Each structure stands twice: as C-alpha cells, then as structure tokens.
Amino acid sequence: MNTTVEAPRLTAHDRCDRCGAQAYVKVSLSAGGELLFCGHHARAHEDAFRPLASEVIDETERLHARPVPVED
C-alpha cells in the first residue's frame, strides 16, 4: 500500500499574528488577506474567523505527529 503524505504548507517562518509562535493555521479571508494562528489562538478565535474565511488550512495535527526517524 502506498500512502501519499501532503507536504506541510506552513513552515517555521510562518508566525502567529497574535503571539508570534509558529503558525499551524492559515485563514484566507473572503474579503482578501490572510491570518496566521498558532494552535492555541486558532481555537480561541475560530468562532470569529470561520464566517469570514474562504479557506482554512489547519495543520495542527503536526503538533502531535511523531517525528520520522532518520537513518544513517
């Protein structure tokens, strides 16, 4: 069985607009522009941004993912 894993769209360079931590959620707004949130602030503000969003990229599952071992 082959499994295709999509590469993360958000990197360590993407920072939360509220606190500066690494962003794991990107919200594209219907009116234009985007917001970046860490997992904590995405949960805290989700009720406010969902009605305004045209797309939400949520990569918070990466917070609990096990690292892939590196072979020598």
C-alpha atoms as a PDB file:
ATOM      1  CA  MET A   1       0.000   0.000   0.000  1.00  0.00           C
ATOM      2  CA  ASN A   2       1.359   3.405  -0.981  1.00  0.00           C
ATOM      3  CA  THR A   3       0.402   6.402   1.098  1.00  0.00           C
ATOM      4  CA  THR A   4       0.908   9.922  -0.173  1.00  0.00           C
ATOM      5  CA  VAL A   5       1.537  12.468   2.537  1.00  0.00           C
ATOM      6  CA  GLU A   6       0.960  16.069   1.563  1.00  0.00           C
ATOM      7  CA  ALA A   7       3.849  18.323   2.466  1.00  0.00           C
ATOM      8  CA  PRO A   8       3.046  20.970   5.063  1.00  0.00           C
ATOM      9  CA  ARG A   9       2.136  24.333   3.571  1.00  0.00           C
ATOM     10  CA  LEU A  10       3.124  26.259   6.683  1.00  0.00           C
ATOM     11  CA  THR A  11       6.758  26.441   7.780  1.00  0.00           C
ATOM     12  CA  ALA A  12       8.681  27.642  10.814  1.00  0.00           C
ATOM     13  CA  HIS A  13       8.866  31.046   9.095  1.00  0.00           C
ATOM     14  CA  ASP A  14       5.071  31.434   9.368  1.00  0.00           C
ATOM     15  CA  ARG A  15       4.288  33.113  12.690  1.00  0.00           C
ATOM     16  CA  CYS A  16       1.048  33.604  14.641  1.00  0.00           C
ATOM     17  CA  ASP A  17      -0.383  37.097  14.184  1.00  0.00           C
ATOM     18  CA  ARG A  18      -1.417  37.182  17.860  1.00  0.00           C
ATOM     19  CA  CYS A  19       1.670  35.935  19.735  1.00  0.00           C
ATOM     20  CA  GLY A  20       4.493  35.223  17.281  1.00  0.00           C
ATOM     21  CA  ALA A  21       4.608  31.459  17.893  1.00  0.00           C
ATOM     22  CA  GLN A  22       4.860  29.092  14.918  1.00  0.00           C
ATOM     23  CA  ALA A  23       1.637  29.195  12.908  1.00  0.00           C
ATOM     24  CA  TYR A  24      -0.224  25.972  12.193  1.00  0.00           C
ATOM     25  CA  VAL A  25      -3.449  27.533  10.875  1.00  0.00           C
ATOM     26  CA  LYS A  26      -3.758  29.843   7.866  1.00  0.00           C
ATOM     27  CA  VAL A  27      -7.059  31.631   7.250  1.00  0.00           C
ATOM     28  CA  SER A  28      -7.697  33.188   3.842  1.00  0.00           C
ATOM     29  CA  LEU A  29     -10.390  35.832   4.212  1.00  0.00           C
ATOM     30  CA  SER A  30     -13.214  36.215   1.691  1.00  0.00           C
ATOM     31  CA  ALA A  31     -12.605  39.971   1.572  1.00  0.00           C
ATOM     32  CA  GLY A  32      -8.899  39.419   0.883  1.00  0.00           C
ATOM     33  CA  GLY A  33      -5.881  38.988   3.080  1.00  0.00           C
ATOM     34  CA  GLU A  34      -4.930  36.217   5.432  1.00  0.00           C
ATOM     35  CA  LEU A  35      -4.428  35.496   9.096  1.00  0.00           C
ATOM     36  CA  LEU A  36      -1.937  33.103  10.673  1.00  0.00           C
ATOM     37  CA  PHE A  37      -2.526  31.478  14.056  1.00  0.00           C
ATOM     38  CA  CYS A  38      -0.784  29.087  16.410  1.00  0.00           C
ATOM     39  CA  GLY A  39      -2.992  26.189  17.530  1.00  0.00           C
ATOM     40  CA  HIS A  40      -3.999  27.951  20.760  1.00  0.00           C
ATOM     41  CA  HIS A  41      -5.118  31.194  19.122  1.00  0.00           C
ATOM     42  CA  ALA A  42      -6.821  29.377  16.234  1.00  0.00           C
ATOM     43  CA  ARG A  43      -9.031  27.554  18.750  1.00  0.00           C
ATOM     44  CA  ALA A  44      -9.628  30.752  20.717  1.00  0.00           C
ATOM     45  CA  HIS A  45     -10.728  32.781  17.651  1.00  0.00           C
ATOM     46  CA  GLU A  46     -12.298  30.109  15.433  1.00  0.00           C
ATOM     47  CA  ASP A  47     -15.883  31.258  16.019  1.00  0.00           C
ATOM     48  CA  ALA A  48     -14.929  34.743  14.815  1.00  0.00           C
ATOM     49  CA  PHE A  49     -12.913  33.832  11.708  1.00  0.00           C
ATOM     50  CA  ARG A  50     -14.913  30.878  10.297  1.00  0.00           C
ATOM     51  CA  PRO A  51     -17.774  33.042   8.895  1.00  0.00           C
ATOM     52  CA  LEU A  52     -15.228  35.366   7.221  1.00  0.00           C
ATOM     53  CA  ALA A  53     -12.984  32.659   5.746  1.00  0.00           C
ATOM     54  CA  SER A  54     -12.829  31.484   2.150  1.00  0.00           C
ATOM     55  CA  GLU A  55     -10.262  28.796   3.091  1.00  0.00           C
ATOM     56  CA  VAL A  56      -8.788  27.462   6.313  1.00  0.00           C
ATOM     57  CA  ILE A  57      -5.603  25.395   6.253  1.00  0.00           C
ATOM     58  CA  ASP A  58      -5.306  23.581   9.579  1.00  0.00           C
ATOM     59  CA  GLU A  59      -2.055  21.738  10.202  1.00  0.00           C
ATOM     60  CA  THR A  60      -2.427  21.432  13.986  1.00  0.00           C
ATOM     61  CA  GLU A  61      -2.200  17.630  13.673  1.00  0.00           C
ATOM     62  CA  ARG A  62       1.532  18.190  13.114  1.00  0.00           C
ATOM     63  CA  LEU A  63       1.805  19.235  16.763  1.00  0.00           C
ATOM     64  CA  HIS A  64       1.187  15.631  17.850  1.00  0.00           C
ATOM     65  CA  ALA A  65       2.852  13.790  14.968  1.00  0.00           C
ATOM     66  CA  ARG A  66       5.763  11.531  15.746  1.00  0.00           C
ATOM     67  CA  PRO A  67       8.988  12.545  14.050  1.00  0.00           C
ATOM     68  CA  VAL A  68      10.202  10.317  11.245  1.00  0.00           C
ATOM     69  CA  PRO A  69      13.409   8.544  12.288  1.00  0.00           C
ATOM     70  CA  VAL A  70      16.495   9.443  10.267  1.00  0.00           C
ATOM     71  CA  GLU A  71      18.533   6.530   9.011  1.00  0.00           C
ATOM     72  CA  ASP A  72      22.316   6.709   8.828  1.00  0.00           C
END
